């Protein structure tokens, strides 16, 4: 499959094939590397912005996942 750039106003556009199933209005960060490879990286959204009153610390305590202060593995790497 090949896509072609086209000019729209002052910008160049590249069509995304429907087979890729990319949703509308999804934000991407364009990245151009030294080899000329053009990539579009999804912009991650804050998953907690939907519920700003969510108490993450309380949820961890309720699930019993709180830190007991003891080393488990190789946490102290110094």
C-alpha atoms as a PDB file:
ATOM      1  CA  UNK A   1       0.000   0.000   0.000  1.00  0.00           C
ATOM      2  CA  UNK A   2       1.291   3.438  -0.893  1.00  0.00           C
ATOM      3  CA  UNK A   3      -0.033   6.819   0.210  1.00  0.00           C
ATOM      4  CA  UNK A   4       0.798  10.178  -1.311  1.00  0.00           C
ATOM      5  CA  UNK A   5       1.126  13.611   0.257  1.00  0.00           C
ATOM      6  CA  UNK A   6      -1.258  16.327  -0.883  1.00  0.00           C
ATOM      7  CA  UNK A   7      -1.363  20.029  -0.157  1.00  0.00           C
ATOM      8  CA  UNK A   8      -4.255  21.483   1.834  1.00  0.00           C
ATOM      9  CA  UNK A   9      -3.819  25.176   2.583  1.00  0.00           C
ATOM     10  CA  UNK A  10      -0.259  25.654   3.844  1.00  0.00           C
ATOM     11  CA  UNK A  11       0.045  22.070   5.120  1.00  0.00           C
ATOM     12  CA  UNK A  12       0.864  18.711   3.591  1.00  0.00           C
ATOM     13  CA  UNK A  13      -1.586  15.892   4.344  1.00  0.00           C
ATOM     14  CA  UNK A  14      -1.084  12.119   4.295  1.00  0.00           C
ATOM     15  CA  UNK A  15      -4.143   9.892   4.133  1.00  0.00           C
ATOM     16  CA  UNK A  16      -4.391   7.166   6.774  1.00  0.00           C
ATOM     17  CA  UNK A  17      -5.873   3.984   5.305  1.00  0.00           C
ATOM     18  CA  UNK A  18      -9.201   2.886   6.827  1.00  0.00           C
ATOM     19  CA  UNK A  19      -7.671  -0.585   7.457  1.00  0.00           C
ATOM     20  CA  UNK A  20      -5.623   1.008  10.243  1.00  0.00           C
ATOM     21  CA  UNK A  21      -8.855   1.758  12.157  1.00  0.00           C
ATOM     22  CA  UNK A  22      -7.592   5.077  13.550  1.00  0.00           C
ATOM     23  CA  UNK A  23     -10.373   6.965  15.330  1.00  0.00           C
ATOM     24  CA  UNK A  24     -11.273  10.537  14.460  1.00  0.00           C
ATOM     25  CA  UNK A  25      -9.842  13.418  16.529  1.00  0.00           C
ATOM     26  CA  UNK A  26      -7.002  11.347  18.024  1.00  0.00           C
ATOM     27  CA  UNK A  27      -3.923  13.472  18.726  1.00  0.00           C
ATOM     28  CA  UNK A  28      -0.480  12.427  17.480  1.00  0.00           C
ATOM     29  CA  UNK A  29       2.958  13.969  17.835  1.00  0.00           C
ATOM     30  CA  UNK A  30       4.856  13.952  14.525  1.00  0.00           C
ATOM     31  CA  UNK A  31       8.497  12.841  14.765  1.00  0.00           C
ATOM     32  CA  UNK A  32      11.068  13.048  11.948  1.00  0.00           C
ATOM     33  CA  UNK A  33      14.282  11.145  12.677  1.00  0.00           C
ATOM     34  CA  UNK A  34      17.743  11.605  11.156  1.00  0.00           C
ATOM     35  CA  UNK A  35      17.074   8.905   8.532  1.00  0.00           C
ATOM     36  CA  UNK A  36      14.016  10.739   7.216  1.00  0.00           C
ATOM     37  CA  UNK A  37      11.560   8.321   8.821  1.00  0.00           C
ATOM     38  CA  UNK A  38       8.320  10.082   9.677  1.00  0.00           C
ATOM     39  CA  UNK A  39       6.435   8.649  12.677  1.00  0.00           C
ATOM     40  CA  UNK A  40       3.243   9.679  14.418  1.00  0.00           C
ATOM     41  CA  UNK A  41       3.238   8.882  18.131  1.00  0.00           C
ATOM     42  CA  UNK A  42      -0.084   8.980  20.014  1.00  0.00           C
ATOM     43  CA  UNK A  43      -0.279  11.739  22.602  1.00  0.00           C
ATOM     44  CA  UNK A  44      -1.082  10.055  25.895  1.00  0.00           C
ATOM     45  CA  UNK A  45      -3.941  11.431  27.907  1.00  0.00           C
ATOM     46  CA  UNK A  46      -4.015  11.666  31.685  1.00  0.00           C
ATOM     47  CA  UNK A  47      -6.199   8.709  32.695  1.00  0.00           C
ATOM     48  CA  UNK A  48      -7.065  10.450  35.963  1.00  0.00           C
ATOM     49  CA  UNK A  49      -8.424  13.601  34.288  1.00  0.00           C
ATOM     50  CA  UNK A  50     -11.821  11.909  33.836  1.00  0.00           C
ATOM     51  CA  UNK A  51     -12.215  11.655  37.609  1.00  0.00           C
ATOM     52  CA  UNK A  52     -10.046  14.299  39.334  1.00  0.00           C
ATOM     53  CA  UNK A  53     -11.462  13.392  42.761  1.00  0.00           C
ATOM     54  CA  UNK A  54     -10.218   9.769  42.565  1.00  0.00           C
ATOM     55  CA  UNK A  55      -8.050   9.008  45.591  1.00  0.00           C
ATOM     56  CA  UNK A  56      -5.332   6.720  44.240  1.00  0.00           C
ATOM     57  CA  UNK A  57      -3.585   6.364  47.612  1.00  0.00           C
ATOM     58  CA  UNK A  58      -6.829   5.253  49.287  1.00  0.00           C
ATOM     59  CA  UNK A  59      -7.479   2.706  46.506  1.00  0.00           C
ATOM     60  CA  UNK A  60      -4.001   1.209  46.978  1.00  0.00           C
ATOM     61  CA  UNK A  61      -4.585   0.960  50.739  1.00  0.00           C
ATOM     62  CA  UNK A  62      -7.996  -0.712  50.202  1.00  0.00           C
ATOM     63  CA  UNK A  63      -6.427  -3.299  47.879  1.00  0.00           C
ATOM     64  CA  UNK A  64      -3.708  -4.023  50.420  1.00  0.00           C
ATOM     65  CA  UNK A  65      -0.915  -2.983  48.070  1.00  0.00           C
ATOM     66  CA  UNK A  66       0.701  -0.496  50.415  1.00  0.00           C
ATOM     67  CA  UNK A  67       4.461  -0.486  50.909  1.00  0.00           C
ATOM     68  CA  UNK A  68       5.708  -2.224  54.043  1.00  0.00           C
ATOM     69  CA  UNK A  69       9.099  -0.491  53.842  1.00  0.00           C
ATOM     70  CA  UNK A  70      11.063  -3.736  53.347  1.00  0.00           C
ATOM     71  CA  UNK A  71      13.270  -4.453  50.360  1.00  0.00           C
ATOM     72  CA  UNK A  72      11.981  -7.211  48.118  1.00  0.00           C
ATOM     73  CA  UNK A  73      14.569  -7.495  45.381  1.00  0.00           C
ATOM     74  CA  UNK A  74      17.253  -5.208  44.067  1.00  0.00           C
ATOM     75  CA  UNK A  75      15.710  -1.854  44.966  1.00  0.00           C
ATOM     76  CA  UNK A  76      18.917  -0.623  46.606  1.00  0.00           C
ATOM     77  CA  UNK A  77      21.195  -0.526  43.567  1.00  0.00           C
ATOM     78  CA  UNK A  78      23.835   1.846  44.955  1.00  0.00           C
END
